[in-house]
Protein backbone atom coordinates (compact mmCIF):
# COMPACT_ATOMS: atom_id res chain seq x y z
CA MET A 1 21.10 -18.51 33.42
CA ALA A 2 23.30 -20.31 30.90
CA TRP A 3 21.82 -18.73 27.80
CA ARG A 4 22.58 -15.25 29.10
CA LYS A 5 26.32 -16.02 29.18
CA LYS A 6 26.65 -17.25 25.61
CA THR A 7 24.22 -14.90 23.88
CA LYS A 8 25.66 -12.87 21.04
CA LYS A 9 24.42 -9.32 21.44
CA ILE A 10 24.07 -6.65 18.79
CA PRO A 11 25.47 -3.21 19.66
CA VAL A 12 23.06 -0.94 21.50
CA GLY A 13 24.45 2.23 19.95
CA ASP A 14 22.83 5.63 20.38
CA GLY A 15 20.97 8.16 18.30
CA TRP A 16 19.74 11.71 17.90
CA TRP A 17 16.83 12.28 15.53
CA ARG A 18 16.55 16.06 15.41
CA GLU A 19 18.52 18.65 13.50
CA GLY A 20 21.64 19.90 15.24
CA GLU A 21 23.84 18.40 17.90
CA LYS A 22 22.63 16.21 20.73
CA PRO A 23 22.57 18.08 24.07
CA LEU A 24 24.71 16.91 26.95
CA SER A 25 21.68 16.01 29.08
CA GLU A 26 18.27 14.62 28.19
CA ASP A 27 14.92 15.59 29.68
CA ARG A 28 13.60 12.35 31.22
CA THR A 29 10.21 13.79 32.19
CA ILE A 30 7.18 11.60 31.51
CA ARG A 31 4.22 13.81 30.63
CA PRO A 32 0.52 12.87 30.57
CA PHE A 33 -1.02 13.16 27.10
CA VAL A 34 -4.65 13.40 26.04
CA VAL A 35 -5.97 12.71 22.54
CA GLU A 36 -7.92 15.77 21.41
CA THR A 37 -10.05 16.82 18.48
CA SER A 38 -11.62 20.03 17.20
CA GLU A 39 -14.65 21.08 15.20
CA GLU A 40 -12.32 22.65 12.64
CA MET A 41 -10.55 19.34 12.05
CA ILE A 42 -13.83 17.45 11.74
CA GLN A 43 -15.29 19.94 9.25
CA ASP A 44 -12.11 19.80 7.16
CA LEU A 45 -12.40 16.01 7.12
CA TYR A 46 -16.06 16.17 6.06
CA GLN A 47 -15.24 18.60 3.26
CA ARG A 48 -12.48 16.37 1.91
CA ILE A 49 -14.66 13.26 2.09
CA GLY A 50 -17.40 15.11 0.22
CA GLN A 51 -15.01 16.12 -2.57
CA THR A 52 -13.77 12.58 -3.23
CA ARG A 53 -13.74 11.49 -6.87
CA PHE A 54 -14.61 7.81 -7.18
CA THR A 55 -13.74 5.58 -10.12
CA GLU A 56 -16.30 2.97 -11.09
CA SER A 57 -15.21 -0.57 -10.26
CA LEU A 58 -14.84 -3.15 -13.01
CA GLU A 59 -17.63 -5.66 -13.34
CA ASP A 60 -17.10 -8.50 -10.84
CA GLY A 61 -13.78 -6.94 -9.84
CA ARG A 62 -14.40 -7.46 -6.12
CA PHE A 63 -11.04 -6.85 -4.30
CA HIS A 64 -8.83 -8.30 -7.06
CA TYR A 65 -7.84 -4.82 -8.26
CA GLY A 66 -7.45 -3.40 -4.79
CA PHE A 67 -10.17 -1.71 -2.76
CA ASN A 68 -13.56 -2.03 -4.44
CA SER A 69 -14.94 1.45 -5.25
CA ALA A 70 -18.56 0.50 -4.67
CA TYR A 71 -17.78 -0.61 -1.13
CA LEU A 72 -15.47 2.38 -0.65
CA LYS A 73 -18.47 4.66 -1.26
CA LYS A 74 -20.27 2.88 1.59
CA VAL A 75 -17.28 3.35 3.90
CA ALA A 76 -17.03 7.04 2.97
CA LYS A 77 -20.76 7.55 3.54
CA TYR A 78 -20.56 5.90 6.95
CA TRP A 79 -17.47 7.94 7.83
CA ARG A 80 -19.17 11.20 6.87
CA HIS A 81 -22.63 10.65 8.36
CA GLU A 82 -22.46 8.02 11.12
CA PHE A 83 -18.91 7.66 12.48
CA ASP A 84 -18.56 9.63 15.71
CA TRP A 85 -14.93 10.70 16.10
CA GLU A 86 -15.58 12.56 19.34
CA LYS A 87 -16.96 9.34 20.83
CA GLN A 88 -13.93 7.39 19.60
CA VAL A 89 -11.60 9.99 21.11
CA ARG A 90 -13.22 9.21 24.46
CA VAL A 91 -12.58 5.52 23.77
CA LEU A 92 -8.92 6.26 23.01
CA ASN A 93 -8.60 8.21 26.25
CA LYS A 94 -9.99 5.26 28.21
CA TYR A 95 -6.40 4.26 28.95
CA PRO A 96 -3.69 6.61 30.25
CA HIS A 97 -1.49 8.14 27.54
CA PHE A 98 1.96 9.61 28.05
CA LYS A 99 4.84 11.14 26.14
CA THR A 100 8.53 11.33 26.96
CA ASN A 101 11.45 12.65 24.97
CA ILE A 102 14.01 10.03 23.94
CA GLU A 103 16.85 10.73 21.51
CA GLY A 104 15.19 14.02 20.58
CA LEU A 105 11.75 12.56 19.82
CA ASP A 106 8.54 12.77 21.80
CA VAL A 107 7.62 9.09 22.14
CA HIS A 108 3.97 8.31 22.80
CA PHE A 109 2.77 5.29 24.76
CA ILE A 110 -0.17 4.02 26.76
CA HIS A 111 0.56 2.54 30.18
CA VAL A 112 -2.13 0.28 31.63
CA LYS A 113 -1.69 -0.85 35.21
CA PRO A 114 -3.44 -4.05 36.27
CA VAL A 115 -6.28 -4.88 38.59
CA GLN A 116 -4.11 -6.87 40.98
CA ARG A 117 -5.62 -9.61 43.13
CA ALA A 118 -4.14 -10.89 46.38
CA GLY A 119 -1.04 -12.99 45.75
CA GLN A 120 -0.73 -12.10 42.07
CA LYS A 121 2.65 -11.25 40.59
CA VAL A 122 2.69 -8.21 38.29
CA LEU A 123 4.72 -8.73 35.12
CA PRO A 124 5.63 -5.85 32.79
CA LEU A 125 4.77 -6.41 29.13
CA MET A 126 5.51 -4.23 26.12
CA MET A 127 3.35 -4.79 23.03
CA VAL A 128 4.53 -3.26 19.74
CA HIS A 129 2.31 -2.64 16.71
CA GLY A 130 3.20 -2.64 13.02
CA TRP A 131 2.05 -1.06 9.74
CA PRO A 132 -0.65 -0.04 8.93
CA GLY A 133 -1.77 -0.51 12.51
CA SER A 134 -1.32 1.47 15.69
CA PHE A 135 -1.44 1.15 19.47
CA TYR A 136 -5.24 1.00 19.10
CA GLU A 137 -4.93 -2.60 17.84
CA PHE A 138 -4.35 -3.64 21.46
CA TYR A 139 -7.44 -2.06 23.05
CA LYS A 140 -9.51 -5.26 23.01
CA ILE A 141 -6.74 -7.46 24.37
CA LEU A 142 -5.73 -5.14 27.21
CA PRO A 143 -8.53 -6.15 29.64
CA LEU A 144 -7.70 -9.81 29.01
CA LEU A 145 -4.13 -9.21 30.17
CA THR A 146 -4.60 -6.68 32.98
CA GLU A 147 -7.60 -8.33 34.70
CA THR A 148 -6.59 -12.00 34.96
CA GLU A 149 -7.34 -14.49 37.73
CA GLY A 150 -4.16 -16.58 37.55
CA ASP A 151 -0.87 -16.37 39.42
CA PHE A 152 0.22 -13.30 37.49
CA VAL A 153 -1.19 -10.26 35.76
CA PHE A 154 0.36 -7.87 33.26
CA GLU A 155 1.24 -4.20 33.45
CA VAL A 156 1.13 -3.27 29.76
CA ILE A 157 3.02 -0.60 27.85
CA CYS A 158 2.04 -0.01 24.20
CA PRO A 159 4.29 2.56 22.49
CA SER A 160 3.77 4.15 19.11
CA ILE A 161 6.76 3.61 16.82
CA PRO A 162 8.39 7.00 16.13
CA GLY A 163 6.73 8.34 12.98
CA TYR A 164 3.47 6.55 13.75
CA GLY A 165 0.42 8.12 15.35
CA TYR A 166 1.19 10.34 18.31
CA SER A 167 4.93 9.60 18.40
CA GLU A 168 7.05 12.29 16.80
CA ALA A 169 8.62 11.40 13.45
CA PRO A 170 12.42 11.36 13.03
CA HIS A 171 13.77 14.55 11.47
CA THR A 172 16.90 12.93 10.05
CA GLN A 173 17.50 9.89 7.86
CA GLY A 174 18.31 6.36 8.97
CA PHE A 175 15.78 5.48 11.69
CA THR A 176 15.38 1.66 11.66
CA CYS A 177 14.03 -1.21 13.76
CA LEU A 178 17.29 -1.23 15.69
CA ASP A 179 16.79 2.39 16.69
CA ALA A 180 13.17 1.74 17.69
CA ALA A 181 14.35 -1.23 19.77
CA ARG A 182 16.93 0.89 21.58
CA ILE A 183 14.39 3.68 22.22
CA PHE A 184 11.87 1.20 23.61
CA HIS A 185 14.51 -0.26 25.94
CA LYS A 186 15.21 3.29 27.12
CA LEU A 187 11.48 3.82 27.62
CA MET A 188 11.21 0.73 29.83
CA ASP A 189 14.26 1.83 31.79
CA ARG A 190 12.69 5.24 32.26
CA LEU A 191 9.61 3.49 33.66
CA ASP A 192 11.91 1.63 36.12
CA PHE A 193 11.52 -1.82 34.56
CA SER A 194 14.70 -3.89 34.52
CA ASP A 195 13.28 -7.01 32.88
CA TYR A 196 10.05 -7.52 30.97
CA TYR A 197 8.14 -9.49 28.36
CA VAL A 198 7.78 -8.20 24.81
CA GLN A 199 5.18 -9.09 22.18
CA GLY A 200 4.84 -8.11 18.55
CA GLY A 201 3.72 -8.79 15.01
CA ASP A 202 4.64 -7.14 11.71
CA TRP A 203 7.21 -4.39 12.44
CA GLY A 204 6.57 -5.09 16.10
CA ALA A 205 8.04 -8.57 15.59
CA PHE A 206 11.21 -7.16 14.03
CA ILE A 207 11.52 -4.54 16.77
CA THR A 208 10.99 -6.95 19.67
CA CYS A 209 13.42 -9.46 18.13
CA SER A 210 15.97 -6.63 17.94
CA MET A 211 15.26 -5.85 21.59
CA ALA A 212 16.00 -9.49 22.47
CA LEU A 213 19.27 -9.38 20.52
CA MET A 214 20.28 -6.00 21.90
CA LYS A 215 19.65 -6.57 25.62
CA PRO A 216 18.72 -10.22 26.22
CA GLU A 217 19.28 -9.79 29.94
CA CYS A 218 16.25 -7.46 30.00
CA ILE A 219 13.87 -9.81 28.16
CA ARG A 220 12.03 -12.33 30.34
CA GLY A 221 10.33 -13.70 27.25
CA LEU A 222 9.58 -12.91 23.61
CA HIS A 223 6.15 -13.67 22.12
CA LEU A 224 5.51 -13.26 18.39
CA ASN A 225 2.49 -13.62 16.15
CA MET A 226 4.65 -13.21 13.04
CA VAL A 227 7.79 -15.34 12.87
CA ASN A 228 10.95 -13.92 11.30
CA ALA A 229 13.11 -16.97 10.66
CA LYS A 230 14.30 -19.06 7.78
CA ALA A 231 16.27 -22.25 7.38
CA GLY A 232 19.68 -22.18 5.72
CA GLY A 233 19.64 -22.06 1.90
CA ALA A 234 20.15 -25.72 0.99
CA LEU A 235 18.12 -26.94 3.97
CA SER A 236 15.10 -24.84 3.08
CA ILE A 237 15.18 -25.98 -0.56
CA ILE A 238 15.38 -29.64 0.46
CA SER A 239 12.59 -29.12 3.00
CA LEU A 240 10.31 -27.62 0.37
CA LEU A 241 11.08 -30.31 -2.21
CA VAL A 242 10.60 -33.23 0.16
CA GLY A 243 8.17 -31.79 2.69
CA ARG A 244 4.98 -32.17 0.71
CA TYR A 245 5.42 -35.90 0.19
CA LEU A 246 7.57 -36.99 3.15
CA PRO A 247 7.00 -34.25 5.74
CA PHE A 248 8.29 -36.31 8.67
CA LEU A 249 11.76 -36.46 7.06
CA VAL A 250 12.17 -32.69 7.25
CA GLY A 251 10.27 -32.06 10.48
CA PHE A 252 7.04 -30.76 8.95
CA THR A 253 3.69 -31.56 10.54
CA ARG A 254 0.48 -32.15 8.62
CA GLU A 255 -0.59 -28.63 9.50
CA ASP A 256 2.67 -27.25 8.08
CA VAL A 257 1.97 -29.08 4.81
CA CYS A 258 -1.55 -27.63 4.63
CA ARG A 259 -0.27 -24.10 5.21
CA ILE A 260 2.75 -24.20 2.89
CA TYR A 261 1.54 -26.14 -0.15
CA PRO A 262 0.91 -25.72 -2.99
CA PHE A 263 4.07 -23.67 -2.51
CA MET A 264 3.93 -21.41 -5.56
CA GLN A 265 0.33 -20.37 -4.94
CA LYS A 266 0.59 -19.90 -1.17
CA ASN A 267 4.00 -18.28 -1.11
CA VAL A 268 5.46 -16.94 -4.35
CA TYR A 269 2.31 -15.78 -6.17
CA LYS A 270 0.67 -14.59 -2.97
CA ILE A 271 3.65 -12.48 -1.93
CA LEU A 272 3.99 -11.01 -5.42
CA ARG A 273 0.36 -9.90 -5.25
CA GLU A 274 0.60 -8.56 -1.72
CA SER A 275 3.99 -6.82 -1.74
CA GLY A 276 3.44 -4.01 -4.25
CA TYR A 277 3.00 -1.49 -1.44
CA MET A 278 6.35 -2.58 0.00
CA HIS A 279 8.27 -1.73 -3.17
CA ILE A 280 6.74 1.75 -3.23
CA GLN A 281 7.37 2.41 0.45
CA ALA A 282 10.90 1.01 0.34
CA THR A 283 11.89 3.25 -2.57
CA LYS A 284 9.85 6.48 -2.90
CA PRO A 285 7.41 6.69 0.01
CA ASP A 286 6.97 10.46 -0.10
CA THR A 287 5.54 10.40 -3.63
CA ALA A 288 2.58 8.12 -2.94
CA GLY A 289 2.32 9.47 0.57
CA CYS A 290 1.58 12.97 -0.70
CA GLY A 291 -1.74 11.85 -2.14
CA LEU A 292 -2.63 9.74 0.89
CA ASN A 293 -1.88 12.60 3.27
CA ASN A 294 -4.34 14.85 1.42
CA SER A 295 -7.23 12.48 0.72
CA PRO A 296 -8.87 10.77 3.71
CA VAL A 297 -10.82 8.38 1.47
CA GLY A 298 -7.66 7.53 -0.47
CA LEU A 299 -5.89 6.89 2.83
CA ALA A 300 -8.73 4.66 4.00
CA ALA A 301 -8.66 2.62 0.78
CA TYR A 302 -4.88 2.19 0.99
CA ILE A 303 -4.90 1.03 4.60
CA LEU A 304 -8.17 -0.90 4.79
CA GLU A 305 -7.27 -3.03 1.79
CA LYS A 306 -4.53 -4.54 3.99
CA PHE A 307 -7.06 -5.32 6.71
CA SER A 308 -9.00 -7.24 4.08
CA THR A 309 -6.46 -9.52 2.38
CA TRP A 310 -4.04 -9.79 5.31
CA THR A 311 -6.87 -11.05 7.50
CA ASP A 312 -7.78 -13.73 4.98
CA TYR A 313 -6.41 -13.90 1.45
CA LYS A 314 -9.75 -15.26 0.22
CA ASN A 315 -11.37 -11.95 1.15
CA ARG A 316 -10.25 -10.59 -2.21
CA ASP A 317 -13.05 -12.69 -3.72
CA LEU A 318 -15.71 -10.71 -1.81
CA GLU A 319 -17.40 -7.47 -2.86
CA ASP A 320 -16.81 -5.93 0.58
CA GLY A 321 -13.41 -7.52 1.13
CA GLY A 322 -14.75 -9.31 4.22
CA LEU A 323 -13.82 -6.29 6.33
CA GLU A 324 -16.89 -6.37 8.55
CA ARG A 325 -16.60 -10.08 9.26
CA LYS A 326 -13.91 -9.50 11.88
CA PHE A 327 -13.89 -5.74 12.41
CA SER A 328 -16.40 -2.95 12.94
CA LEU A 329 -16.22 0.14 10.75
CA ASP A 330 -15.83 2.19 13.94
CA ASP A 331 -12.67 0.30 14.89
CA LEU A 332 -11.25 0.39 11.37
CA LEU A 333 -11.93 4.12 10.96
CA THR A 334 -10.49 4.90 14.40
CA ASN A 335 -7.18 3.43 13.25
CA ILE A 336 -7.44 5.49 10.03
CA MET A 337 -8.17 8.63 12.05
CA ILE A 338 -5.02 8.14 14.10
CA TYR A 339 -3.03 8.30 10.85
CA TRP A 340 -5.16 11.11 9.37
CA THR A 341 -5.24 13.50 12.33
CA THR A 342 -1.50 13.16 12.99
CA GLY A 343 -0.42 13.30 9.33
CA SER A 344 1.72 10.25 10.01
CA ILE A 345 1.17 8.19 6.87
CA ILE A 346 4.34 9.45 5.14
CA PRO A 347 6.74 8.93 8.09
CA SER A 348 5.18 5.51 8.70
CA MET A 349 5.88 4.60 5.06
CA ARG A 350 9.44 5.95 5.28
CA PHE A 351 10.14 3.29 7.92
CA TYR A 352 10.20 0.76 5.06
CA LYS A 353 12.81 2.70 3.11
CA GLU A 354 15.01 3.14 6.16
CA ASN A 355 14.87 -0.57 7.04
CA MET A 356 15.28 -1.87 3.49
CA GLY A 357 18.17 0.34 2.51
CA ALA A 358 21.91 -0.28 2.47
CA ASN A 359 21.90 -2.18 5.78
CA PHE A 360 18.96 -4.40 4.82
CA GLN A 361 20.50 -7.63 6.13
CA LYS A 362 21.29 -5.99 9.45
CA THR A 363 18.00 -4.21 10.09
CA MET A 364 15.76 -6.97 8.66
CA ASP A 365 17.83 -9.78 10.19
CA ASN A 366 16.01 -13.11 10.40
CA THR A 367 18.97 -15.44 10.91
CA THR A 368 20.93 -14.28 13.99
CA LYS A 369 20.08 -16.66 16.82
CA ILE A 370 17.86 -15.45 19.64
CA HIS A 371 18.31 -17.25 22.96
CA VAL A 372 15.63 -15.74 25.18
CA PRO A 373 12.52 -17.84 26.01
CA THR A 374 10.26 -17.57 22.98
CA GLY A 375 6.59 -18.21 22.28
CA LEU A 376 5.30 -18.38 18.71
CA ALA A 377 1.65 -18.11 17.69
CA ALA A 378 1.22 -19.29 14.09
CA PHE A 379 -2.04 -17.88 12.74
CA PRO A 380 -3.38 -19.72 9.67
CA HIS A 381 -3.92 -16.62 7.54
CA GLU A 382 -0.60 -14.92 8.28
CA LEU A 383 1.12 -13.80 5.07
CA LEU A 384 3.74 -16.56 5.30
CA HIS A 385 3.89 -19.67 7.46
CA CYS A 386 7.06 -20.59 9.35
CA PRO A 387 7.15 -24.23 10.58
CA ARG A 388 8.57 -24.86 14.02
CA VAL A 389 11.52 -26.74 12.51
CA TRP A 390 12.51 -23.58 10.64
CA ALA A 391 11.86 -21.37 13.65
CA ARG A 392 14.31 -23.47 15.69
CA SER A 393 17.08 -22.38 13.32
CA ARG A 394 16.81 -18.92 14.85
CA PHE A 395 15.01 -19.23 18.19
CA THR A 396 16.98 -21.62 20.39
CA ASP A 397 14.61 -21.65 23.38
CA ILE A 398 11.08 -22.09 22.02
CA ARG A 399 8.82 -22.71 25.01
CA SER A 400 5.60 -22.80 23.00
CA TYR A 401 4.62 -23.03 19.34
CA THR A 402 0.88 -22.92 18.70
CA TYR A 403 -1.03 -23.58 15.50
CA MET A 404 -3.78 -21.04 16.05
CA PRO A 405 -7.22 -22.21 14.85
CA ARG A 406 -8.14 -19.01 13.04
CA GLY A 407 -6.93 -15.49 12.42
CA GLY A 408 -4.51 -13.57 10.26
CA HIS A 409 -1.94 -10.79 10.33
CA PHE A 410 -3.63 -8.40 12.79
CA ALA A 411 -3.92 -10.93 15.61
CA ALA A 412 -4.59 -8.63 18.59
CA PHE A 413 -7.16 -6.63 16.63
CA GLU A 414 -8.87 -9.62 15.04
CA GLU A 415 -8.61 -12.42 17.62
CA PRO A 416 -7.77 -10.81 20.98
CA VAL A 417 -9.03 -13.76 23.04
CA LEU A 418 -6.93 -16.31 21.15
CA LEU A 419 -3.81 -14.17 21.30
CA ALA A 420 -4.28 -13.44 25.00
CA GLN A 421 -4.74 -17.14 25.79
CA ASP A 422 -1.57 -18.06 23.92
CA LEU A 423 0.44 -15.29 25.53
CA LEU A 424 -0.77 -16.28 29.00
CA GLN A 425 0.06 -19.97 28.56
CA PHE A 426 3.53 -19.06 27.22
CA VAL A 427 4.31 -16.77 30.15
CA LYS A 428 3.03 -19.39 32.59
CA LYS A 429 5.56 -21.87 31.16
CA VAL A 430 8.39 -19.37 31.37
CA GLU A 431 7.59 -18.25 34.91
CA SER A 432 7.34 -21.85 36.15
CA LYS A 433 10.95 -22.47 35.07
CA ARG A 434 12.41 -19.28 36.50
CA PRO A 435 14.38 -19.50 39.74
CA LYS A 436 12.22 -18.68 42.76
């Protein structure tokens, strides 16, 4: 295909993330893995929950100061007396888990093979999570992708980013999105996939974009629910100045105008309020992480607050942060338990420092053009909205751009049906144009 010939690739490189020298040969064994628990771990958790010191919330503070302490007490009580971790472990083990050693790290992933009907084509798909999520975000969308009735069905691989959940954390400095992208390409190669679809949001969007830049010949299509693109400096300023009043002149739709303006409130002020965690994690993650790694209730408050305001910014006006409007406490606490039982909160936070360091423009690139077929799902409550006209400045082959009717940052977790529908229609468009 023409785009494959002119695509500018980024170097694949190589890595070794343990102490000492890299061995001459690498163990390519893929080992089954089972999530386990123990009574000792559960009792330690209960003891720590019981020793939590709560600070009284300010009158009418709701979620404006962060996680509301009154509601946090309810979450802690449910966690201690009603949440059944052993049951949730069985839920986690519903799908096959594996580990394989790549670049010195044991990389965890789930591999879900489809229920294939007669005449259906099986398409490999990798779905990559972000922070503070995990592979568990995809559990509700997996049946919608692996049990379809159309012309194709997906074989889905959901890895854990190294340093997250059951994937081993890097032991040396410098592990970025580019390294995760390379490792995930190696994982797919190890599973004997030569070309595949990739899907992601949050860090998963950065990683899958890097995969498309690194080995475009391997990417059948790229689907994102968080768009990393921006127009050139002067163009973006002109667009913002003119777009509210004459949107058609700069390529904005009415929906773009609704999502972008008033600009200061929906972009600048909002990001200032929501990015405090990022400054901490991009500078001194180990300091804050020490407390989070020792207090389960503190960890829950830190993570669940993101599932409140990143799902809908207006949730900060509610006493319970709106958490149970879209999620169950069982699902939310299962994600927390993945961080807690693996002690992975600190390495997951370090990922920000590694990506936002000296090579920030390289690792957090949102300008280098991507030429693979691309599908973009624009959810209304995503942290920032990227109009299609801006997205075209980076993605040269947009096959679908959908204004999703509802949903926020954690699309697969919050709106699995909507995300699955958009992914399926995108892939259908791509497959229909591929040579037979």
